[in-house]
Amino acid sequence: MKAIFDVIIIALNIYWWVIIASAVLSWLVAFNVVNYRNAIVAQIDQTLRALTEPVLGPIRARMPNTGAVDLSPIVVLLGIILIQQIIYRYGYPYVF
């Protein structure tokens, strides 16, 4: 059972970094540091969007419009923290 919890924690950590990378890339594009005309940047963006949009899209649709600021990644990151804390506090103590 501990191995299952470990795999879940690792998957959540990886998804955490995918969301961070997606947010950073969107900022770099917004501030014109990189652009989508570069094939590598376009491919990275397409991959990150394919990984994050299934989770961020429904949350973004339910959140109020805040203009140019997208708060859905923050909501997902807080959800990841919550799930990890639940596993650490209530899952791990009962494994041993």
PDB file of N, CA and C in Angstrom:
ATOM      1  N   MET A   1       0.822  -1.193   0.000  1.00  0.00           N
ATOM      2  CA  MET A   1       0.000   0.000   0.000  1.00  0.00           C
ATOM      3  C   MET A   1       0.867   1.257   0.000  1.00  0.00           C
ATOM      4  N   LYS A   2       2.001   1.189   0.703  1.00  0.00           N
ATOM      5  CA  LYS A   2       2.897   2.347   0.740  1.00  0.00           C
ATOM      6  C   LYS A   2       3.405   2.675  -0.664  1.00  0.00           C
ATOM      7  N   ALA A   3       3.654   1.633  -1.458  1.00  0.00           N
ATOM      8  CA  ALA A   3       4.138   1.861  -2.821  1.00  0.00           C
ATOM      9  C   ALA A   3       3.099   2.605  -3.661  1.00  0.00           C
ATOM     10  N   ILE A   4       1.837   2.299  -3.458  1.00  0.00           N
ATOM     11  CA  ILE A   4       0.781   3.001  -4.196  1.00  0.00           C
ATOM     12  C   ILE A   4       0.756   4.471  -3.811  1.00  0.00           C
ATOM     13  N   PHE A   5       0.851   4.745  -2.501  1.00  0.00           N
ATOM     14  CA  PHE A   5       0.889   6.134  -2.053  1.00  0.00           C
ATOM     15  C   PHE A   5       2.116   6.854  -2.601  1.00  0.00           C
ATOM     16  N   ASP A   6       3.252   6.156  -2.628  1.00  0.00           N
ATOM     17  CA  ASP A   6       4.471   6.769  -3.166  1.00  0.00           C
ATOM     18  C   ASP A   6       4.314   7.117  -4.645  1.00  0.00           C
ATOM     19  N   VAL A   7       3.702   6.239  -5.411  1.00  0.00           N
ATOM     20  CA  VAL A   7       3.487   6.498  -6.838  1.00  0.00           C
ATOM     21  C   VAL A   7       2.545   7.687  -7.022  1.00  0.00           C
ATOM     22  N   ILE A   8       1.505   7.764  -6.207  1.00  0.00           N
ATOM     23  CA  ILE A   8       0.570   8.895  -6.295  1.00  0.00           C
ATOM     24  C   ILE A   8       1.282  10.201  -5.968  1.00  0.00           C
ATOM     25  N   ILE A   9       2.096  10.197  -4.910  1.00  0.00           N
ATOM     26  CA  ILE A   9       2.835  11.403  -4.519  1.00  0.00           C
ATOM     27  C   ILE A   9       3.801  11.822  -5.626  1.00  0.00           C
ATOM     28  N   ILE A  10       4.506  10.864  -6.217  1.00  0.00           N
ATOM     29  CA  ILE A  10       5.447  11.175  -7.297  1.00  0.00           C
ATOM     30  C   ILE A  10       4.702  11.732  -8.512  1.00  0.00           C
ATOM     31  N   ALA A  11       3.572  11.124  -8.865  1.00  0.00           N
ATOM     32  CA  ALA A  11       2.786  11.618 -10.003  1.00  0.00           C
ATOM     33  C   ALA A  11       2.284  13.035  -9.743  1.00  0.00           C
ATOM     34  N   LEU A  12       1.847  13.312  -8.520  1.00  0.00           N
ATOM     35  CA  LEU A  12       1.392  14.660  -8.185  1.00  0.00           C
ATOM     36  C   LEU A  12       2.543  15.660  -8.248  1.00  0.00           C
ATOM     37  N   ASN A  13       3.732  15.243  -7.796  1.00  0.00           N
ATOM     38  CA  ASN A  13       4.901  16.128  -7.881  1.00  0.00           C
ATOM     39  C   ASN A  13       5.268  16.421  -9.332  1.00  0.00           C
ATOM     40  N   ILE A  14       5.223  15.427 -10.182  1.00  0.00           N
ATOM     41  CA  ILE A  14       5.529  15.645 -11.600  1.00  0.00           C
ATOM     42  C   ILE A  14       4.496  16.582 -12.221  1.00  0.00           C
ATOM     43  N   TYR A  15       3.221  16.366 -11.913  1.00  0.00           N
ATOM     44  CA  TYR A  15       2.177  17.231 -12.467  1.00  0.00           C
ATOM     45  C   TYR A  15       2.312  18.654 -11.943  1.00  0.00           C
ATOM     46  N   TRP A  16       2.759  18.800 -10.697  1.00  0.00           N
ATOM     47  CA  TRP A  16       3.038  20.126 -10.121  1.00  0.00           C
ATOM     48  C   TRP A  16       4.008  20.874 -11.026  1.00  0.00           C
ATOM     49  N   TRP A  17       5.124  20.209 -11.386  1.00  0.00           N
ATOM     50  CA  TRP A  17       6.146  20.856 -12.204  1.00  0.00           C
ATOM     51  C   TRP A  17       5.670  21.102 -13.630  1.00  0.00           C
ATOM     52  N   VAL A  18       4.804  20.245 -14.149  1.00  0.00           N
ATOM     53  CA  VAL A  18       4.237  20.475 -15.482  1.00  0.00           C
ATOM     54  C   VAL A  18       3.387  21.743 -15.478  1.00  0.00           C
ATOM     55  N   ILE A  19       2.595  21.938 -14.430  1.00  0.00           N
ATOM     56  CA  ILE A  19       1.774  23.149 -14.332  1.00  0.00           C
ATOM     57  C   ILE A  19       2.658  24.385 -14.192  1.00  0.00           C
ATOM     58  N   ILE A  20       3.700  24.303 -13.384  1.00  0.00           N
ATOM     59  CA  ILE A  20       4.634  25.427 -13.226  1.00  0.00           C
ATOM     60  C   ILE A  20       5.289  25.752 -14.573  1.00  0.00           C
ATOM     61  N   ALA A  21       5.740  24.718 -15.293  1.00  0.00           N
ATOM     62  CA  ALA A  21       6.378  24.944 -16.596  1.00  0.00           C
ATOM     63  C   ALA A  21       5.403  25.581 -17.578  1.00  0.00           C
ATOM     64  N   SER A  22       4.166  25.152 -17.555  1.00  0.00           N
ATOM     65  CA  SER A  22       3.158  25.739 -18.440  1.00  0.00           C
ATOM     66  C   SER A  22       2.923  27.210 -18.112  1.00  0.00           C
ATOM     67  N   ALA A  23       2.851  27.535 -16.833  1.00  0.00           N
ATOM     68  CA  ALA A  23       2.646  28.933 -16.428  1.00  0.00           C
ATOM     69  C   ALA A  23       3.846  29.795 -16.818  1.00  0.00           C
ATOM     70  N   VAL A  24       5.047  29.287 -16.590  1.00  0.00           N
ATOM     71  CA  VAL A  24       6.250  30.051 -16.928  1.00  0.00           C
ATOM     72  C   VAL A  24       6.328  30.269 -18.441  1.00  0.00           C
ATOM     73  N   LEU A  25       6.031  29.242 -19.212  1.00  0.00           N
ATOM     74  CA  LEU A  25       6.061  29.398 -20.670  1.00  0.00           C
ATOM     75  C   LEU A  25       5.025  30.419 -21.136  1.00  0.00           C
ATOM     76  N   SER A  26       3.855  30.413 -20.529  1.00  0.00           N
ATOM     77  CA  SER A  26       2.848  31.400 -20.937  1.00  0.00           C
ATOM     78  C   SER A  26       3.299  32.816 -20.593  1.00  0.00           C
ATOM     79  N   TRP A  27       4.001  32.985 -19.481  1.00  0.00           N
ATOM     80  CA  TRP A  27       4.540  34.307 -19.137  1.00  0.00           C
ATOM     81  C   TRP A  27       5.627  34.720 -20.118  1.00  0.00           C
ATOM     82  N   LEU A  28       6.495  33.769 -20.493  1.00  0.00           N
ATOM     83  CA  LEU A  28       7.560  34.090 -21.440  1.00  0.00           C
ATOM     84  C   LEU A  28       6.984  34.504 -22.790  1.00  0.00           C
ATOM     85  N   VAL A  29       5.916  33.855 -23.207  1.00  0.00           N
ATOM     86  CA  VAL A  29       5.266  34.236 -24.464  1.00  0.00           C
ATOM     87  C   VAL A  29       4.584  35.592 -24.309  1.00  0.00           C
ATOM     88  N   ALA A  30       3.931  35.817 -23.174  1.00  0.00           N
ATOM     89  CA  ALA A  30       3.225  37.085 -22.956  1.00  0.00           C
ATOM     90  C   ALA A  30       4.183  38.271 -22.928  1.00  0.00           C
ATOM     91  N   PHE A  31       5.380  38.067 -22.379  1.00  0.00           N
ATOM     92  CA  PHE A  31       6.362  39.148 -22.307  1.00  0.00           C
ATOM     93  C   PHE A  31       7.293  39.165 -23.509  1.00  0.00           C
ATOM     94  N   ASN A  32       6.970  38.366 -24.534  1.00  0.00           N
ATOM     95  CA  ASN A  32       7.689  38.342 -25.802  1.00  0.00           C
ATOM     96  C   ASN A  32       9.161  37.948 -25.650  1.00  0.00           C
ATOM     97  N   VAL A  33       9.436  37.074 -24.696  1.00  0.00           N
ATOM     98  CA  VAL A  33      10.786  36.530 -24.563  1.00  0.00           C
ATOM     99  C   VAL A  33      10.973  35.401 -25.571  1.00  0.00           C
ATOM    100  N   VAL A  34       9.948  34.570 -25.713  1.00  0.00           N
ATOM    101  CA  VAL A  34       9.926  33.525 -26.738  1.00  0.00           C
ATOM    102  C   VAL A  34       8.621  33.680 -27.511  1.00  0.00           C
ATOM    103  N   ASN A  35       8.567  33.080 -28.695  1.00  0.00           N
ATOM    104  CA  ASN A  35       7.321  33.125 -29.458  1.00  0.00           C
ATOM    105  C   ASN A  35       7.076  31.776 -30.106  1.00  0.00           C
ATOM    106  N   TYR A  36       5.857  31.616 -30.597  1.00  0.00           N
ATOM    107  CA  TYR A  36       5.444  30.332 -31.149  1.00  0.00           C
ATOM    108  C   TYR A  36       5.986  30.078 -32.548  1.00  0.00           C
ATOM    109  N   ARG A  37       6.645  31.042 -33.135  1.00  0.00           N
ATOM    110  CA  ARG A  37       7.246  30.804 -34.449  1.00  0.00           C
ATOM    111  C   ARG A  37       8.419  29.840 -34.357  1.00  0.00           C
ATOM    112  N   ASN A  38       9.007  29.745 -33.168  1.00  0.00           N
ATOM    113  CA  ASN A  38      10.054  28.763 -32.936  1.00  0.00           C
ATOM    114  C   ASN A  38       9.386  27.396 -32.787  1.00  0.00           C
ATOM    115  N   ALA A  39       9.799  26.439 -33.596  1.00  0.00           N
ATOM    116  CA  ALA A  39       9.147  25.126 -33.615  1.00  0.00           C
ATOM    117  C   ALA A  39       9.281  24.395 -32.281  1.00  0.00           C
ATOM    118  N   ILE A  40      10.413  24.545 -31.617  1.00  0.00           N
ATOM    119  CA  ILE A  40      10.613  23.873 -30.329  1.00  0.00           C
ATOM    120  C   ILE A  40       9.675  24.448 -29.279  1.00  0.00           C
ATOM    121  N   VAL A  41       9.564  25.762 -29.242  1.00  0.00           N
ATOM    122  CA  VAL A  41       8.658  26.409 -28.285  1.00  0.00           C
ATOM    123  C   VAL A  41       7.217  25.999 -28.568  1.00  0.00           C
ATOM    124  N   ALA A  42       6.840  25.952 -29.821  1.00  0.00           N
ATOM    125  CA  ALA A  42       5.475  25.554 -30.178  1.00  0.00           C
ATOM    126  C   ALA A  42       5.198  24.112 -29.762  1.00  0.00           C
ATOM    127  N   GLN A  43       6.170  23.226 -29.953  1.00  0.00           N
ATOM    128  CA  GLN A  43       5.992  21.821 -29.573  1.00  0.00           C
ATOM    129  C   GLN A  43       5.907  21.666 -28.059  1.00  0.00           C
ATOM    130  N   ILE A  44       6.755  22.384 -27.327  1.00  0.00           N
ATOM    131  CA  ILE A  44       6.706  22.330 -25.863  1.00  0.00           C
ATOM    132  C   ILE A  44       5.364  22.853 -25.369  1.00  0.00           C
ATOM    133  N   ASP A  45       4.898  23.950 -25.943  1.00  0.00           N
ATOM    134  CA  ASP A  45       3.611  24.513 -25.538  1.00  0.00           C
ATOM    135  C   ASP A  45       2.468  23.551 -25.844  1.00  0.00           C
ATOM    136  N   GLN A  46       2.504  22.930 -26.994  1.00  0.00           N
ATOM    137  CA  GLN A  46       1.456  21.984 -27.358  1.00  0.00           C
ATOM    138  C   GLN A  46       1.438  20.795 -26.393  1.00  0.00           C
ATOM    139  N   THR A  47       2.613  20.299 -26.021  1.00  0.00           N
ATOM    140  CA  THR A  47       2.697  19.184 -25.078  1.00  0.00           C
ATOM    141  C   THR A  47       2.194  19.586 -23.699  1.00  0.00           C
ATOM    142  N   LEU A  48       2.629  20.754 -23.224  1.00  0.00           N
ATOM    143  CA  LEU A  48       2.191  21.208 -21.905  1.00  0.00           C
ATOM    144  C   LEU A  48       0.689  21.456 -21.874  1.00  0.00           C
ATOM    145  N   ARG A  49       0.148  22.016 -22.937  1.00  0.00           N
ATOM    146  CA  ARG A  49      -1.308  22.247 -22.984  1.00  0.00           C
ATOM    147  C   ARG A  49      -2.070  20.927 -23.020  1.00  0.00           C
ATOM    148  N   ALA A  50      -1.545  19.945 -23.735  1.00  0.00           N
ATOM    149  CA  ALA A  50      -2.206  18.638 -23.780  1.00  0.00           C
ATOM    150  C   ALA A  50      -2.220  17.978 -22.403  1.00  0.00           C
ATOM    151  N   LEU A  51      -1.198  18.244 -21.605  1.00  0.00           N
ATOM    152  CA  LEU A  51      -1.131  17.661 -20.264  1.00  0.00           C
ATOM    153  C   LEU A  51      -1.947  18.433 -19.236  1.00  0.00           C
ATOM    154  N   THR A  52      -2.064  19.748 -19.402  1.00  0.00           N
ATOM    155  CA  THR A  52      -2.703  20.550 -18.362  1.00  0.00           C
ATOM    156  C   THR A  52      -4.153  20.925 -18.653  1.00  0.00           C
ATOM    157  N   GLU A  53      -4.529  21.062 -19.906  1.00  0.00           N
ATOM    158  CA  GLU A  53      -5.880  21.534 -20.225  1.00  0.00           C
ATOM    159  C   GLU A  53      -7.004  20.621 -19.742  1.00  0.00           C
ATOM    160  N   PRO A  54      -6.836  19.293 -19.727  1.00  0.00           N
ATOM    161  CA  PRO A  54      -7.935  18.472 -19.195  1.00  0.00           C
ATOM    162  C   PRO A  54      -8.278  18.789 -17.737  1.00  0.00           C
ATOM    163  N   VAL A  55      -7.327  19.280 -16.980  1.00  0.00           N
ATOM    164  CA  VAL A  55      -7.584  19.638 -15.582  1.00  0.00           C
ATOM    165  C   VAL A  55      -7.894  21.128 -15.454  1.00  0.00           C
ATOM    166  N   LEU A  56      -7.122  21.966 -16.125  1.00  0.00           N
ATOM    167  CA  LEU A  56      -7.302  23.410 -15.983  1.00  0.00           C
ATOM    168  C   LEU A  56      -8.556  23.924 -16.687  1.00  0.00           C
ATOM    169  N   GLY A  57      -8.938  23.319 -17.788  1.00  0.00           N
ATOM    170  CA  GLY A  57     -10.081  23.792 -18.562  1.00  0.00           C
ATOM    171  C   GLY A  57     -11.390  23.831 -17.776  1.00  0.00           C
ATOM    172  N   PRO A  58     -11.797  22.719 -17.148  1.00  0.00           N
ATOM    173  CA  PRO A  58     -13.047  22.755 -16.372  1.00  0.00           C
ATOM    174  C   PRO A  58     -12.991  23.716 -15.184  1.00  0.00           C
ATOM    175  N   ILE A  59     -11.831  23.840 -14.565  1.00  0.00           N
ATOM    176  CA  ILE A  59     -11.700  24.778 -13.441  1.00  0.00           C
ATOM    177  C   ILE A  59     -11.796  26.207 -13.958  1.00  0.00           C
ATOM    178  N   ARG A  60     -11.151  26.480 -15.074  1.00  0.00           N
ATOM    179  CA  ARG A  60     -11.196  27.817 -15.680  1.00  0.00           C
ATOM    180  C   ARG A  60     -12.627  28.195 -16.065  1.00  0.00           C
ATOM    181  N   ALA A  61     -13.407  27.217 -16.516  1.00  0.00           N
ATOM    182  CA  ALA A  61     -14.788  27.488 -16.924  1.00  0.00           C
ATOM    183  C   ALA A  61     -15.677  27.840 -15.733  1.00  0.00           C
ATOM    184  N   ARG A  62     -15.353  27.323 -14.557  1.00  0.00           N
ATOM    185  CA  ARG A  62     -16.175  27.577 -13.376  1.00  0.00           C
ATOM    186  C   ARG A  62     -15.736  28.799 -12.577  1.00  0.00           C
ATOM    187  N   MET A  63     -14.560  29.316 -12.861  1.00  0.00           N
ATOM    188  CA  MET A  63     -14.057  30.465 -12.105  1.00  0.00           C
ATOM    189  C   MET A  63     -14.545  31.767 -12.731  1.00  0.00           C
ATOM    190  N   PRO A  64     -14.681  32.805 -11.913  1.00  0.00           N
ATOM    191  CA  PRO A  64     -15.088  34.099 -12.474  1.00  0.00           C
ATOM    192  C   PRO A  64     -13.988  34.682 -13.356  1.00  0.00           C
ATOM    193  N   ASN A  65     -14.379  35.503 -14.298  1.00  0.00           N
ATOM    194  CA  ASN A  65     -13.432  36.135 -15.201  1.00  0.00           C
ATOM    195  C   ASN A  65     -12.620  37.183 -14.441  1.00  0.00           C
ATOM    196  N   THR A  66     -11.304  37.042 -14.457  1.00  0.00           N
ATOM    197  CA  THR A  66     -10.424  37.990 -13.767  1.00  0.00           C
ATOM    198  C   THR A  66      -9.585  38.784 -14.754  1.00  0.00           C
ATOM    199  N   GLY A  67     -10.020  38.849 -15.977  1.00  0.00           N
ATOM    200  CA  GLY A  67      -9.271  39.598 -16.978  1.00  0.00           C
ATOM    201  C   GLY A  67      -8.144  38.765 -17.554  1.00  0.00           C
ATOM    202  N   ALA A  68      -6.970  39.339 -17.578  1.00  0.00           N
ATOM    203  CA  ALA A  68      -5.826  38.673 -18.188  1.00  0.00           C
ATOM    204  C   ALA A  68      -5.154  37.674 -17.260  1.00  0.00           C
ATOM    205  N   VAL A  69      -5.548  37.637 -15.998  1.00  0.00           N
ATOM    206  CA  VAL A  69      -4.907  36.756 -15.023  1.00  0.00           C
ATOM    207  C   VAL A  69      -5.695  35.453 -14.928  1.00  0.00           C
ATOM    208  N   ASP A  70      -5.005  34.336 -15.154  1.00  0.00           N
ATOM    209  CA  ASP A  70      -5.630  33.021 -15.059  1.00  0.00           C
ATOM    210  C   ASP A  70      -5.269  32.414 -13.706  1.00  0.00           C
ATOM    211  N   LEU A  71      -6.254  32.235 -12.861  1.00  0.00           N
ATOM    212  CA  LEU A  71      -6.014  31.714 -11.519  1.00  0.00           C
ATOM    213  C   LEU A  71      -6.206  30.204 -11.418  1.00  0.00           C
ATOM    214  N   SER A  72      -6.598  29.556 -12.501  1.00  0.00           N
ATOM    215  CA  SER A  72      -6.844  28.119 -12.440  1.00  0.00           C
ATOM    216  C   SER A  72      -5.596  27.301 -12.088  1.00  0.00           C
ATOM    217  N   PRO A  73      -4.378  27.658 -12.536  1.00  0.00           N
ATOM    218  CA  PRO A  73      -3.215  26.891 -12.086  1.00  0.00           C
ATOM    219  C   PRO A  73      -3.007  26.969 -10.572  1.00  0.00           C
ATOM    220  N   ILE A  74      -3.313  28.111  -9.977  1.00  0.00           N
ATOM    221  CA  ILE A  74      -3.160  28.243  -8.529  1.00  0.00           C
ATOM    222  C   ILE A  74      -4.148  27.331  -7.819  1.00  0.00           C
ATOM    223  N   VAL A  75      -5.372  27.257  -8.331  1.00  0.00           N
ATOM    224  CA  VAL A  75      -6.376  26.380  -7.729  1.00  0.00           C
ATOM    225  C   VAL A  75      -5.930  24.923  -7.818  1.00  0.00           C
ATOM    226  N   VAL A  76      -5.397  24.522  -8.968  1.00  0.00           N
ATOM    227  CA  VAL A  76      -4.939  23.140  -9.134  1.00  0.00           C
ATOM    228  C   VAL A  76      -3.737  22.861  -8.234  1.00  0.00           C
ATOM    229  N   LEU A  77      -2.811  23.802  -8.132  1.00  0.00           N
ATOM    230  CA  LEU A  77      -1.658  23.599  -7.253  1.00  0.00           C
ATOM    231  C   LEU A  77      -2.096  23.472  -5.799  1.00  0.00           C
ATOM    232  N   LEU A  78      -3.060  24.268  -5.379  1.00  0.00           N
ATOM    233  CA  LEU A  78      -3.587  24.132  -4.019  1.00  0.00           C
ATOM    234  C   LEU A  78      -4.280  22.783  -3.833  1.00  0.00           C
ATOM    235  N   GLY A  79      -4.970  22.314  -4.860  1.00  0.00           N
ATOM    236  CA  GLY A  79      -5.589  20.992  -4.803  1.00  0.00           C
ATOM    237  C   GLY A  79      -4.563  19.885  -4.688  1.00  0.00           C
ATOM    238  N   ILE A  80      -3.447  20.019  -5.403  1.00  0.00           N
ATOM    239  CA  ILE A  80      -2.374  19.028  -5.306  1.00  0.00           C
ATOM    240  C   ILE A  80      -1.803  19.009  -3.897  1.00  0.00           C
ATOM    241  N   ILE A  81      -1.578  20.184  -3.326  1.00  0.00           N
ATOM    242  CA  ILE A  81      -1.072  20.257  -1.952  1.00  0.00           C
ATOM    243  C   ILE A  81      -2.056  19.590  -0.997  1.00  0.00           C
ATOM    244  N   LEU A  82      -3.338  19.854  -1.176  1.00  0.00           N
ATOM    245  CA  LEU A  82      -4.359  19.265  -0.312  1.00  0.00           C
ATOM    246  C   LEU A  82      -4.350  17.739  -0.408  1.00  0.00           C
ATOM    247  N   ILE A  83      -4.303  17.211  -1.614  1.00  0.00           N
ATOM    248  CA  ILE A  83      -4.285  15.756  -1.794  1.00  0.00           C
ATOM    249  C   ILE A  83      -3.036  15.152  -1.166  1.00  0.00           C
ATOM    250  N   GLN A  84      -1.881  15.788  -1.360  1.00  0.00           N
ATOM    251  CA  GLN A  84      -0.651  15.274  -0.763  1.00  0.00           C
ATOM    252  C   GLN A  84      -0.727  15.283   0.756  1.00  0.00           C
ATOM    253  N   GLN A  85      -1.263  16.341   1.326  1.00  0.00           N
ATOM    254  CA  GLN A  85      -1.371  16.412   2.784  1.00  0.00           C
ATOM    255  C   GLN A  85      -2.338  15.360   3.322  1.00  0.00           C
ATOM    256  N   ILE A  86      -3.412  15.112   2.610  1.00  0.00           N
ATOM    257  CA  ILE A  86      -4.342  14.059   3.032  1.00  0.00           C
ATOM    258  C   ILE A  86      -3.650  12.705   3.017  1.00  0.00           C
ATOM    259  N   ILE A  87      -2.872  12.443   1.982  1.00  0.00           N
ATOM    260  CA  ILE A  87      -2.147  11.169   1.910  1.00  0.00           C
ATOM    261  C   ILE A  87      -1.123  11.077   3.028  1.00  0.00           C
ATOM    262  N   TYR A  88      -0.360  12.147   3.261  1.00  0.00           N
ATOM    263  CA  TYR A  88       0.653  12.121   4.312  1.00  0.00           C
ATOM    264  C   TYR A  88       0.035  11.945   5.696  1.00  0.00           C
ATOM    265  N   ARG A  89      -1.067  12.623   5.960  1.00  0.00           N
ATOM    266  CA  ARG A  89      -1.646  12.599   7.309  1.00  0.00           C
ATOM    267  C   ARG A  89      -2.527  11.385   7.565  1.00  0.00           C
ATOM    268  N   TYR A  90      -3.285  10.969   6.568  1.00  0.00           N
ATOM    269  CA  TYR A  90      -4.263   9.912   6.808  1.00  0.00           C
ATOM    270  C   TYR A  90      -3.937   8.600   6.106  1.00  0.00           C
ATOM    271  N   GLY A  91      -3.108   8.635   5.092  1.00  0.00           N
ATOM    272  CA  GLY A  91      -2.779   7.416   4.366  1.00  0.00           C
ATOM    273  C   GLY A  91      -1.579   6.689   4.923  1.00  0.00           C
ATOM    274  N   TYR A  92      -0.481   7.401   5.072  1.00  0.00           N
ATOM    275  CA  TYR A  92       0.758   6.777   5.521  1.00  0.00           C
ATOM    276  C   TYR A  92       0.688   6.208   6.940  1.00  0.00           C
ATOM    277  N   PRO A  93       0.072   6.874   7.903  1.00  0.00           N
ATOM    278  CA  PRO A  93       0.071   6.300   9.258  1.00  0.00           C
ATOM    279  C   PRO A  93      -0.611   4.936   9.343  1.00  0.00           C
ATOM    280  N   TYR A  94      -1.542   4.649   8.465  1.00  0.00           N
ATOM    281  CA  TYR A  94      -2.261   3.380   8.539  1.00  0.00           C
ATOM    282  C   TYR A  94      -1.602   2.277   7.722  1.00  0.00           C
ATOM    283  N   VAL A  95      -0.544   2.597   7.007  1.00  0.00           N
ATOM    284  CA  VAL A  95       0.145   1.594   6.200  1.00  0.00           C
ATOM    285  C   VAL A  95       1.025   0.721   7.071  1.00  0.00           C
ATOM    286  N   PHE A  96       1.623   1.308   8.077  1.00  0.00           N
ATOM    287  CA  PHE A  96       2.598   0.567   8.889  1.00  0.00           C
ATOM    288  C   PHE A  96       1.956  -0.192  10.007  1.00  0.00           C
TER     289      PHE A  96
END
